[in-house]
């Protein structure tokens, strides 16, 4: 429980710190690198991110099988499980290397009409470095999954936080010394490698991580690939949904259009980090409940309780983005990036509902009932590609984001809520009734945002910060009085009371 609390707190600290750093660092990087280099880096990431599907969704299955071994107190079976996963991921890392080389060879053909010769050369180098980075992440996947299964969230977040702080500092130094996109990718690779080595050393000492490569359980391996097959399909779906846009735009618009879309998409990334930081901490608890045949009412309680908390957080971010986001983007990235605000808004709306229901995905995986979701999402992702191409040609990045939003709504909202209620047997009606009860507290902050937009011209960071703080204060007061239940008030009020008590004693 202490690890979960510490993990949840550190997850939020990590998200806040990393996003604040990104908000400060990104405009500097944009100006130092220029749209061309930034778009180049975004294109390379979009290419190589497709290689992540070679994980076959196996990583998402580890926690479930690990809990099965530990529920039986079978340490030897756990060692064999670790050895089997490491063997599989080592083979997959070789496939990543081969796939990376193929993508590098194909990339020149795709962008030959929109990239210069130098841009094309740099693209291939960056893609090679990113391929090596992904290979390393595959090999160390078992280490990371083991630490999560044993709920060592505190250490994981501390290392990630330190790495997240060091990376932009190193990048700033490199950019001042004349480095560009290639150097930035090299720095990212070396810091990632060092972080993984630290995780491995810690895992050996803290949880006695061991591997056995003798006598793999064929039945477990069979179950693993059946279970992971649909997670693999889900990985393909995510790549098609969120990486295809950049590839299409690079082919029809060039690096500048990709740069604008990448900035807009980054806001969606910040948004997802905020929502997923809490859900990840509860994945082991959910697997524990399912592995020990827990009651569905326990899962309902977690689903609704965490969903409400996530709704408070992500809806605040959305409100702030709507009312101060446009002015912020124009000052932060430059007026040339103004379309990034609309791209970001569309993509945030696309992931808003799954952001407050991502505990549901952990429940699906724990119950081995994620197959239908994967198939439906994949079909919708294919439709998304078909729609994205003409929308990108006609309306650029905004068109691509609009196509993604429409398709995501069909899958994540309409289908998924039906599936949760009908087959997972979660109390979806109770969930939305609970969310609806929160809404009265949103009248005042939304009204305040409208007044700010109507009468206050935000043309400096100081004024944007002032407007954001006003919305935040009104939001906090309003939801405390009109939205929060007694549990949520206690959850927020208890640490505040402890801080006051300590200050009073001093």
Protein backbone atom coordinates (compact mmCIF):
# COMPACT_ATOMS: atom_id res chain seq x y z
CA UNK A 1 0.00 0.00 0.00
CA UNK A 2 2.86 2.39 0.87
CA UNK A 3 4.50 1.60 -2.47
CA UNK A 4 1.22 2.36 -4.26
CA UNK A 5 0.80 5.65 -2.44
CA UNK A 6 4.43 6.62 -2.97
CA UNK A 7 4.20 5.50 -6.59
CA UNK A 8 1.04 7.51 -7.19
CA UNK A 9 2.51 10.62 -5.57
CA UNK A 10 5.81 10.30 -7.42
CA UNK A 11 3.97 9.55 -10.67
CA UNK A 12 2.17 12.86 -10.40
CA UNK A 13 5.36 14.68 -9.40
CA UNK A 14 7.13 13.05 -12.35
CA UNK A 15 4.40 14.06 -14.79
CA UNK A 16 4.34 17.65 -13.50
CA UNK A 17 8.13 18.07 -13.50
CA UNK A 18 8.68 16.43 -16.89
CA UNK A 19 5.87 18.39 -18.52
CA UNK A 20 7.03 21.68 -17.01
CA UNK A 21 10.55 20.97 -18.26
CA UNK A 22 9.15 20.11 -21.69
CA UNK A 23 7.12 23.32 -21.80
CA UNK A 24 10.21 25.37 -20.94
CA UNK A 25 12.64 23.39 -23.07
CA UNK A 26 10.61 22.77 -26.24
CA UNK A 27 10.41 26.40 -27.50
CA UNK A 28 14.16 26.74 -26.95
CA UNK A 29 14.76 23.54 -28.92
CA UNK A 30 12.40 24.74 -31.68
CA UNK A 31 14.33 27.96 -32.10
CA UNK A 32 17.74 26.29 -31.94
CA UNK A 33 16.84 23.41 -34.27
CA UNK A 34 14.31 25.12 -36.54
CA UNK A 35 11.15 23.62 -38.01
CA UNK A 36 13.08 21.47 -40.46
CA UNK A 37 15.21 19.66 -37.86
CA UNK A 38 12.33 19.34 -35.41
CA UNK A 39 10.08 17.92 -38.12
CA UNK A 40 12.90 15.59 -39.09
CA UNK A 41 13.12 14.21 -35.56
CA UNK A 42 9.33 13.79 -35.43
CA UNK A 43 9.33 11.90 -38.72
CA UNK A 44 12.11 9.54 -37.56
CA UNK A 45 10.21 8.81 -34.35
CA UNK A 46 7.04 8.05 -36.30
CA UNK A 47 8.91 5.56 -38.51
CA UNK A 48 10.72 3.71 -35.72
CA UNK A 49 7.77 3.73 -33.32
CA UNK A 50 6.20 1.15 -35.64
CA UNK A 51 8.89 -1.29 -34.52
CA UNK A 52 7.40 -1.27 -31.03
CA UNK A 53 4.66 -3.56 -32.35
CA UNK A 54 7.30 -6.31 -32.53
CA UNK A 55 6.94 -6.62 -28.75
CA UNK A 56 3.84 -8.61 -29.76
CA UNK A 57 2.05 -7.27 -26.69
CA UNK A 58 3.96 -9.77 -24.55
CA UNK A 59 5.12 -7.19 -22.01
CA UNK A 60 1.53 -6.47 -21.03
CA UNK A 61 1.06 -10.14 -20.11
CA UNK A 62 4.01 -10.45 -17.75
CA UNK A 63 2.36 -9.06 -14.61
CA UNK A 64 -0.60 -11.42 -14.99
CA UNK A 65 1.61 -14.53 -15.26
CA UNK A 66 3.96 -13.31 -12.54
CA UNK A 67 1.05 -13.01 -10.10
CA UNK A 68 -0.07 -16.53 -10.99
CA UNK A 69 3.37 -17.88 -10.04
CA UNK A 70 3.50 -15.88 -6.82
CA UNK A 71 -0.05 -16.87 -5.85
CA UNK A 72 1.22 -20.47 -5.87
CA UNK A 73 4.45 -19.44 -4.06
CA UNK A 74 6.39 -21.11 -6.87
CA UNK A 75 9.74 -19.31 -7.04
CA UNK A 76 11.21 -21.72 -9.58
CA UNK A 77 8.29 -21.15 -11.96
CA UNK A 78 8.88 -17.40 -11.62
CA UNK A 79 12.55 -17.81 -12.57
CA UNK A 80 11.56 -19.85 -15.62
CA UNK A 81 8.99 -17.21 -16.53
CA UNK A 82 11.71 -14.53 -16.38
CA UNK A 83 14.05 -16.64 -18.49
CA UNK A 84 11.35 -17.34 -21.06
CA UNK A 85 10.45 -13.65 -21.36
CA UNK A 86 14.11 -12.61 -21.66
CA UNK A 87 14.71 -15.22 -24.38
CA UNK A 88 11.64 -14.10 -26.34
CA UNK A 89 12.51 -10.40 -26.05
CA UNK A 90 16.12 -11.03 -27.08
CA UNK A 91 14.88 -12.67 -30.27
CA UNK A 92 12.42 -9.84 -30.82
CA UNK A 93 15.19 -7.26 -30.37
CA UNK A 94 16.99 -8.84 -33.33
CA UNK A 95 13.80 -8.50 -35.36
CA UNK A 96 13.69 -4.83 -34.31
CA UNK A 97 17.21 -4.37 -35.71
CA UNK A 98 16.28 -6.02 -39.00
CA UNK A 99 13.03 -4.04 -39.19
CA UNK A 100 14.91 -0.81 -38.47
CA UNK A 101 17.28 -1.43 -41.37
CA UNK A 102 14.32 -2.10 -43.68
CA UNK A 103 12.59 1.12 -42.59
CA UNK A 104 15.80 3.08 -43.11
CA UNK A 105 16.03 1.76 -46.66
CA UNK A 106 12.37 2.55 -47.38
CA UNK A 107 12.33 6.01 -45.77
CA UNK A 108 14.30 7.69 -48.54
CA UNK A 109 11.72 6.64 -51.11
CA UNK A 110 8.79 7.95 -49.06
CA UNK A 111 10.20 11.44 -48.46
CA UNK A 112 12.26 11.96 -51.61
CA UNK A 113 9.88 14.61 -52.99
CA UNK A 114 9.54 16.60 -49.73
CA UNK A 115 12.96 16.23 -47.99
CA UNK A 116 16.33 17.64 -49.08
CA UNK A 117 19.31 15.30 -49.53
CA UNK A 118 20.79 16.42 -46.19
CA UNK A 119 17.47 15.94 -44.41
CA UNK A 120 17.15 12.48 -45.90
CA UNK A 121 20.69 11.58 -44.75
CA UNK A 122 20.06 12.85 -41.21
CA UNK A 123 16.75 10.97 -41.13
CA UNK A 124 18.49 7.65 -41.75
CA UNK A 125 21.09 8.27 -39.02
CA UNK A 126 18.45 9.23 -36.44
CA UNK A 127 16.36 6.21 -37.36
CA UNK A 128 19.38 3.92 -36.80
CA UNK A 129 20.02 5.38 -33.34
CA UNK A 130 16.34 5.10 -32.41
CA UNK A 131 16.40 1.47 -33.57
CA UNK A 132 19.28 0.72 -31.17
CA UNK A 133 17.37 2.47 -28.40
CA UNK A 134 14.32 0.29 -28.98
CA UNK A 135 16.45 -2.87 -29.03
CA UNK A 136 17.79 -2.00 -25.59
CA UNK A 137 14.28 -1.33 -24.26
CA UNK A 138 13.18 -4.77 -25.48
CA UNK A 139 16.05 -6.58 -23.77
CA UNK A 140 15.42 -4.83 -20.44
CA UNK A 141 11.63 -5.20 -20.63
CA UNK A 142 11.60 -8.13 -18.20
CA UNK A 143 13.47 -6.06 -15.61
CA UNK A 144 10.94 -3.23 -15.81
CA UNK A 145 7.95 -5.59 -15.70
CA UNK A 146 9.39 -7.41 -12.68
CA UNK A 147 9.84 -4.18 -10.74
CA UNK A 148 6.26 -3.20 -11.55
CA UNK A 149 4.92 -6.62 -10.55
CA UNK A 150 6.66 -6.25 -7.19
CA UNK A 151 5.28 -2.69 -6.96
CA UNK A 152 8.68 -0.99 -6.71
CA UNK A 153 7.10 2.20 -8.01
CA UNK A 154 9.11 4.57 -5.83
CA UNK A 155 12.48 3.60 -7.31
CA UNK A 156 11.13 3.42 -10.86
CA UNK A 157 9.76 6.97 -10.67
CA UNK A 158 12.87 8.37 -9.00
CA UNK A 159 15.15 7.05 -11.77
CA UNK A 160 12.77 8.20 -14.51
CA UNK A 161 12.51 11.62 -12.88
CA UNK A 162 16.29 12.04 -12.70
CA UNK A 163 16.67 10.86 -16.32
CA UNK A 164 13.90 13.24 -17.37
CA UNK A 165 15.76 16.16 -15.78
CA UNK A 166 19.21 15.24 -17.08
CA UNK A 167 18.10 14.70 -20.69
CA UNK A 168 16.98 18.28 -21.50
CA UNK A 169 20.00 19.71 -19.67
CA UNK A 170 22.31 17.60 -21.82
CA UNK A 171 20.31 18.55 -24.92
CA UNK A 172 20.61 22.27 -24.17
CA UNK A 173 24.38 21.93 -23.79
CA UNK A 174 24.56 20.00 -27.06
CA UNK A 175 22.39 22.52 -28.94
CA UNK A 176 24.57 25.40 -27.70
CA UNK A 177 27.61 23.55 -29.03
CA UNK A 178 26.03 23.28 -32.47
CA UNK A 179 24.37 19.87 -32.16
CA UNK A 180 21.14 19.15 -33.96
CA UNK A 181 18.60 16.33 -34.27
CA UNK A 182 21.23 13.58 -34.66
CA UNK A 183 23.02 14.58 -31.45
CA UNK A 184 19.71 14.83 -29.55
CA UNK A 185 18.89 11.24 -30.52
CA UNK A 186 22.36 10.06 -29.38
CA UNK A 187 21.93 11.68 -25.97
CA UNK A 188 18.52 10.05 -25.54
CA UNK A 189 20.01 6.65 -26.34
CA UNK A 190 22.88 6.86 -23.84
CA UNK A 191 20.68 8.12 -20.98
CA UNK A 192 18.12 5.37 -21.66
CA UNK A 193 20.86 2.72 -21.64
CA UNK A 194 22.28 3.99 -18.34
CA UNK A 195 18.79 4.05 -16.77
CA UNK A 196 18.11 0.46 -17.76
CA UNK A 197 21.44 -0.71 -16.30
CA UNK A 198 20.54 0.99 -13.01
CA UNK A 199 17.13 -0.71 -13.00
CA UNK A 200 18.78 -4.10 -13.57
CA UNK A 201 21.25 -3.67 -10.69
CA UNK A 202 18.42 -2.59 -8.38
CA UNK A 203 16.20 -5.50 -9.44
CA UNK A 204 18.96 -8.02 -8.69
CA UNK A 205 19.38 -6.62 -5.17
CA UNK A 206 15.86 -5.53 -4.18
CA UNK A 207 13.66 -8.33 -5.55
CA UNK A 208 16.37 -10.96 -6.17
CA UNK A 209 15.56 -11.04 -9.88
CA UNK A 210 16.75 -14.34 -11.31
CA UNK A 211 16.46 -16.17 -14.61
CA UNK A 212 16.21 -19.85 -15.42
CA UNK A 213 16.57 -21.02 -19.01
CA UNK A 214 15.80 -24.68 -18.39
CA UNK A 215 12.53 -26.41 -19.10
CA UNK A 216 10.22 -23.63 -20.19
CA UNK A 217 6.59 -24.44 -19.40
CA UNK A 218 5.03 -25.07 -22.83
CA UNK A 219 1.53 -24.55 -21.49
CA UNK A 220 2.47 -21.14 -20.10
CA UNK A 221 4.14 -20.22 -23.39
CA UNK A 222 1.01 -21.25 -25.29
CA UNK A 223 -1.21 -19.20 -22.98
CA UNK A 224 1.23 -16.32 -23.25
CA UNK A 225 1.00 -16.06 -27.01
CA UNK A 226 -2.76 -16.55 -27.05
CA UNK A 227 -3.15 -13.85 -24.38
CA UNK A 228 -0.62 -11.52 -26.02
CA UNK A 229 -1.85 -11.98 -29.56
CA UNK A 230 -4.59 -9.45 -29.08
CA UNK A 231 -2.33 -7.08 -27.14
CA UNK A 232 -0.08 -7.27 -30.20
CA UNK A 233 -3.02 -6.31 -32.37
CA UNK A 234 -3.68 -3.46 -29.96
CA UNK A 235 -0.07 -2.26 -30.36
CA UNK A 236 -0.51 -2.25 -34.13
CA UNK A 237 -3.71 -0.27 -33.69
CA UNK A 238 -2.02 2.38 -31.54
CA UNK A 239 0.75 2.82 -34.08
CA UNK A 240 -1.68 3.11 -36.97
CA UNK A 241 -3.82 5.59 -35.04
CA UNK A 242 -1.12 7.92 -33.71
CA UNK A 243 1.95 7.46 -35.95
CA UNK A 244 0.41 7.24 -39.41
CA UNK A 245 -0.60 10.91 -39.35
CA UNK A 246 3.04 12.07 -39.28
CA UNK A 247 4.03 9.69 -42.07
CA UNK A 248 1.13 10.82 -44.27
CA UNK A 249 1.90 14.47 -43.55
CA UNK A 250 5.61 13.99 -44.27
CA UNK A 251 4.69 12.56 -47.67
CA UNK A 252 2.16 15.27 -48.60
CA UNK A 253 3.48 18.32 -46.74
CA UNK A 254 7.14 17.97 -45.72
CA UNK A 255 9.02 18.64 -42.48
CA UNK A 256 7.30 21.96 -41.66
CA UNK A 257 3.81 20.44 -41.55
CA UNK A 258 5.15 17.51 -39.52
CA UNK A 259 6.77 19.93 -37.05
CA UNK A 260 3.46 21.71 -36.43
CA UNK A 261 1.60 18.41 -36.02
CA UNK A 262 4.31 17.08 -33.67
CA UNK A 263 3.89 20.11 -31.40
CA UNK A 264 0.11 19.65 -31.34
CA UNK A 265 0.48 15.94 -30.71
CA UNK A 266 2.88 16.62 -27.83
CA UNK A 267 0.03 18.21 -25.86
CA UNK A 268 -1.93 14.99 -26.31
CA UNK A 269 1.14 13.15 -24.99
CA UNK A 270 1.31 15.35 -21.88
CA UNK A 271 -2.39 14.75 -21.36
CA UNK A 272 -2.06 10.97 -21.58
CA UNK A 273 0.91 10.95 -19.20
CA UNK A 274 -1.17 12.74 -16.59
CA UNK A 275 -4.05 10.27 -16.87
CA UNK A 276 -2.02 7.06 -17.06
CA UNK A 277 0.33 7.83 -14.17
CA UNK A 278 -2.31 6.78 -11.63
CA UNK A 279 -3.69 3.77 -13.55
CA UNK A 280 -0.25 2.13 -13.88
CA UNK A 281 0.13 2.05 -10.11
CA UNK A 282 -3.10 0.05 -9.68
CA UNK A 283 -2.33 -2.61 -12.34
CA UNK A 284 -0.71 -5.06 -9.87
CA UNK A 285 -3.59 -4.66 -7.38
CA UNK A 286 -6.14 -5.40 -10.12
CA UNK A 287 -4.21 -8.50 -11.22
CA UNK A 288 -4.01 -9.61 -7.58
CA UNK A 289 -7.79 -9.28 -7.16
CA UNK A 290 -8.48 -11.26 -10.34
CA UNK A 291 -5.83 -13.91 -9.61
CA UNK A 292 -7.43 -14.52 -6.20
CA UNK A 293 -10.98 -14.58 -7.63
CA UNK A 294 -11.96 -11.24 -6.16
CA UNK A 295 -15.51 -9.91 -6.33
CA UNK A 296 -16.53 -7.75 -9.31
CA UNK A 297 -17.72 -5.12 -6.80
CA UNK A 298 -14.08 -4.55 -5.81
CA UNK A 299 -13.19 -3.83 -9.43
CA UNK A 300 -16.25 -1.57 -9.79
CA UNK A 301 -15.15 0.42 -6.76
CA UNK A 302 -11.63 0.93 -8.16
CA UNK A 303 -12.97 1.69 -11.64
CA UNK A 304 -15.38 4.38 -10.44
CA UNK A 305 -13.23 5.82 -7.66
CA UNK A 306 -10.09 6.19 -9.80
CA UNK A 307 -12.17 7.30 -12.79
CA UNK A 308 -13.57 10.21 -10.77
CA UNK A 309 -10.11 11.28 -9.60
CA UNK A 310 -8.78 11.08 -13.15
CA UNK A 311 -11.76 13.09 -14.38
CA UNK A 312 -10.94 15.93 -11.98
CA UNK A 313 -7.34 16.00 -13.16
CA UNK A 314 -7.78 15.66 -16.92
CA UNK A 315 -10.83 17.92 -17.11
CA UNK A 316 -8.87 20.67 -15.34
CA UNK A 317 -6.12 20.27 -17.93
CA UNK A 318 -8.69 20.41 -20.75
CA UNK A 319 -10.36 23.55 -19.35
CA UNK A 320 -7.01 25.30 -18.94
CA UNK A 321 -6.00 24.28 -22.46
CA UNK A 322 -9.23 25.53 -24.01
CA UNK A 323 -9.12 28.97 -22.38
CA UNK A 324 -5.40 29.80 -22.33
CA UNK A 325 -3.94 27.25 -24.76
CA UNK A 326 -4.13 29.24 -28.00
CA UNK A 327 -2.34 32.28 -26.61
CA UNK A 328 0.19 30.02 -24.92
CA UNK A 329 1.00 28.11 -28.13
CA UNK A 330 1.44 31.33 -30.12
CA UNK A 331 3.86 32.77 -27.56
CA UNK A 332 5.52 29.49 -26.60
CA UNK A 333 6.17 27.96 -30.02
CA UNK A 334 5.58 30.98 -32.25
CA UNK A 335 2.69 32.18 -34.38
CA UNK A 336 3.77 29.82 -37.17
CA UNK A 337 2.64 26.98 -34.89
CA UNK A 338 -0.85 28.36 -34.16
CA UNK A 339 -2.51 25.37 -35.86
CA UNK A 340 -0.82 23.16 -33.26
CA UNK A 341 -3.40 24.41 -30.73
CA UNK A 342 -6.31 23.03 -32.77
CA UNK A 343 -4.43 19.80 -33.49
CA UNK A 344 -3.71 19.38 -29.78
CA UNK A 345 -7.33 20.11 -28.83
CA UNK A 346 -8.71 17.55 -31.27
CA UNK A 347 -6.26 14.86 -30.13
CA UNK A 348 -6.92 15.60 -26.44
CA UNK A 349 -10.65 15.21 -27.06
CA UNK A 350 -9.87 11.95 -28.89
CA UNK A 351 -8.26 10.42 -25.79
CA UNK A 352 -10.36 12.13 -23.09
CA UNK A 353 -12.78 9.29 -22.32
CA UNK A 354 -10.14 6.52 -22.39
CA UNK A 355 -8.07 8.78 -20.10
CA UNK A 356 -10.69 8.48 -17.35
CA UNK A 357 -11.38 4.80 -18.05
CA UNK A 358 -7.85 3.41 -18.49
CA UNK A 359 -8.26 1.35 -15.31
CA UNK A 360 -10.76 -0.61 -17.42
CA UNK A 361 -8.02 -1.77 -19.78
CA UNK A 362 -6.04 -3.18 -16.84
CA UNK A 363 -9.18 -5.03 -15.73
CA UNK A 364 -9.66 -6.44 -19.24
CA UNK A 365 -6.09 -7.71 -19.40
CA UNK A 366 -6.24 -9.20 -15.90
CA UNK A 367 -9.46 -11.06 -16.84
CA UNK A 368 -8.04 -12.02 -20.28
CA UNK A 369 -11.01 -10.32 -21.97
CA UNK A 370 -9.21 -7.78 -24.17
CA UNK A 371 -9.63 -9.63 -27.48
CA UNK A 372 -12.79 -7.93 -28.75
CA UNK A 373 -11.40 -4.48 -27.93
CA UNK A 374 -8.25 -5.20 -29.94
CA UNK A 375 -10.16 -6.42 -33.01
CA UNK A 376 -12.65 -3.53 -33.09
CA UNK A 377 -9.95 -0.91 -32.46
CA UNK A 378 -7.85 -2.37 -35.27
CA UNK A 379 -10.70 -2.17 -37.77
CA UNK A 380 -11.45 1.42 -36.73
CA UNK A 381 -7.74 2.28 -37.07
CA UNK A 382 -7.80 1.07 -40.69
CA UNK A 383 -10.79 3.32 -41.34
CA UNK A 384 -8.81 6.13 -39.72
CA UNK A 385 -5.99 5.70 -42.25
CA UNK A 386 -8.44 5.80 -45.15
CA UNK A 387 -10.00 9.01 -43.83
CA UNK A 388 -6.69 10.62 -42.82
CA UNK A 389 -5.18 10.68 -46.30
CA UNK A 390 -7.79 12.90 -48.01
CA UNK A 391 -8.24 14.99 -44.84
CA UNK A 392 -4.48 15.60 -44.66
CA UNK A 393 -4.30 16.61 -48.30
CA UNK A 394 -7.20 19.05 -47.92
CA UNK A 395 -6.70 20.46 -44.39
CA UNK A 396 -3.16 19.45 -43.40
CA UNK A 397 -2.45 18.57 -39.77
CA UNK A 398 -5.86 19.71 -38.52
CA UNK A 399 -7.55 17.36 -40.99
CA UNK A 400 -5.41 14.44 -39.83
CA UNK A 401 -6.25 15.16 -36.18
CA UNK A 402 -9.96 15.49 -36.97
CA UNK A 403 -10.02 12.07 -38.66
CA UNK A 404 -8.32 10.52 -35.63
CA UNK A 405 -10.81 12.13 -33.23
CA UNK A 406 -13.88 10.86 -35.09
CA UNK A 407 -12.56 7.31 -35.27
CA UNK A 408 -11.42 7.28 -31.64
CA UNK A 409 -14.90 8.34 -30.54
CA UNK A 410 -16.46 5.37 -32.32
CA UNK A 411 -14.09 2.93 -30.62
CA UNK A 412 -13.19 4.29 -27.20
CA UNK A 413 -16.56 5.78 -26.30
CA UNK A 414 -19.41 4.02 -28.11
CA UNK A 415 -18.02 0.49 -28.45
CA UNK A 416 -15.89 0.36 -25.32
CA UNK A 417 -18.60 1.45 -22.90
CA UNK A 418 -21.00 -1.06 -24.42
CA UNK A 419 -18.35 -3.79 -24.01
CA UNK A 420 -17.56 -2.85 -20.40
CA UNK A 421 -21.21 -3.08 -19.45
CA UNK A 422 -22.23 -6.15 -21.51
CA UNK A 423 -19.21 -8.45 -21.19
CA UNK A 424 -16.84 -7.20 -18.45
CA UNK A 425 -19.92 -6.54 -16.28
CA UNK A 426 -18.58 -3.27 -14.92
CA UNK A 427 -21.14 -0.80 -13.63
CA UNK A 428 -20.89 1.64 -16.55
CA UNK A 429 -24.23 3.26 -15.78
CA UNK A 430 -23.00 3.86 -12.24
CA UNK A 431 -19.71 5.18 -13.57
CA UNK A 432 -21.31 7.82 -15.81
CA UNK A 433 -23.90 8.66 -13.16
CA UNK A 434 -21.02 9.30 -10.77
CA UNK A 435 -19.21 11.46 -13.37
CA UNK A 436 -22.44 13.36 -14.06
CA UNK A 437 -22.75 14.20 -10.36
CA UNK A 438 -19.39 16.01 -10.61
CA UNK A 439 -20.47 18.41 -13.38
CA UNK A 440 -22.23 21.11 -11.28
CA UNK A 441 -18.81 22.12 -9.98
CA UNK A 442 -17.67 22.93 -13.52
CA UNK A 443 -20.11 25.76 -14.18
CA UNK A 444 -18.06 28.43 -12.38
CA UNK A 445 -14.60 27.59 -13.85
CA UNK A 446 -16.02 27.36 -17.39
CA UNK A 447 -17.87 30.66 -16.93
CA UNK A 448 -14.67 32.19 -15.55
CA UNK A 449 -12.72 30.97 -18.57
CA UNK A 450 -15.26 32.52 -20.94
CA UNK A 451 -15.01 35.86 -19.11
CA UNK A 452 -11.20 35.74 -19.29
CA UNK A 453 -11.29 35.02 -23.03
CA UNK A 454 -13.79 37.80 -23.60
CA UNK A 455 -12.18 40.62 -21.65
CA UNK A 456 -8.51 39.75 -21.08
CA UNK A 457 -5.93 39.74 -23.85
CA UNK A 458 -3.24 37.23 -22.92
CA UNK A 459 -0.05 38.37 -24.64
CA UNK A 460 2.65 37.40 -22.15
CA UNK A 461 3.63 34.41 -20.02
CA UNK A 462 2.81 36.45 -16.91
CA UNK A 463 -0.75 37.12 -18.04
CA UNK A 464 -1.24 33.53 -19.22
CA UNK A 465 0.00 32.25 -15.85
CA UNK A 466 -2.30 34.67 -14.05
CA UNK A 467 -5.32 33.54 -16.04
CA UNK A 468 -4.41 29.87 -15.51
CA UNK A 469 -4.07 30.37 -11.75
CA UNK A 470 -7.44 32.14 -11.56
CA UNK A 471 -9.11 29.25 -13.40
CA UNK A 472 -7.32 26.77 -11.13
CA UNK A 473 -8.43 28.52 -7.93
CA UNK A 474 -12.03 28.85 -9.11
CA UNK A 475 -11.95 25.21 -10.21
CA UNK A 476 -10.62 24.02 -6.84
CA UNK A 477 -13.14 25.98 -4.78
CA UNK A 478 -16.03 25.02 -7.02
CA UNK A 479 -15.43 21.26 -7.17
CA UNK A 480 -14.78 21.15 -3.40
CA UNK A 481 -18.20 22.64 -2.74
CA UNK A 482 -20.26 21.18 -5.59
CA UNK A 483 -18.53 18.01 -6.86
CA UNK A 484 -16.35 16.11 -4.38
CA UNK A 485 -17.70 13.34 -2.16
CA UNK A 486 -16.53 12.73 1.42
CA UNK A 487 -13.83 10.22 0.34
CA UNK A 488 -12.30 12.67 -2.13
CA UNK A 489 -12.37 15.53 0.37
CA UNK A 490 -10.66 13.31 2.93
CA UNK A 491 -8.11 12.19 0.33
CA UNK A 492 -7.23 15.80 -0.46
CA UNK A 493 -7.82 17.28 2.97
CA UNK A 494 -5.75 14.82 5.01
CA UNK A 495 -2.31 15.70 3.53
CA UNK A 496 -3.20 19.41 3.60
CA UNK A 497 -4.12 19.07 7.29
CA UNK A 498 -0.84 17.27 8.02
CA UNK A 499 1.14 20.03 6.34
CA UNK A 500 -0.73 22.68 8.36
CA UNK A 501 -0.11 20.73 11.55
CA UNK A 502 3.61 20.52 10.91
CA UNK A 503 3.80 24.21 10.06
CA UNK A 504 1.87 25.11 13.20
CA UNK A 505 4.19 23.03 15.39
CA UNK A 506 7.20 24.79 13.92
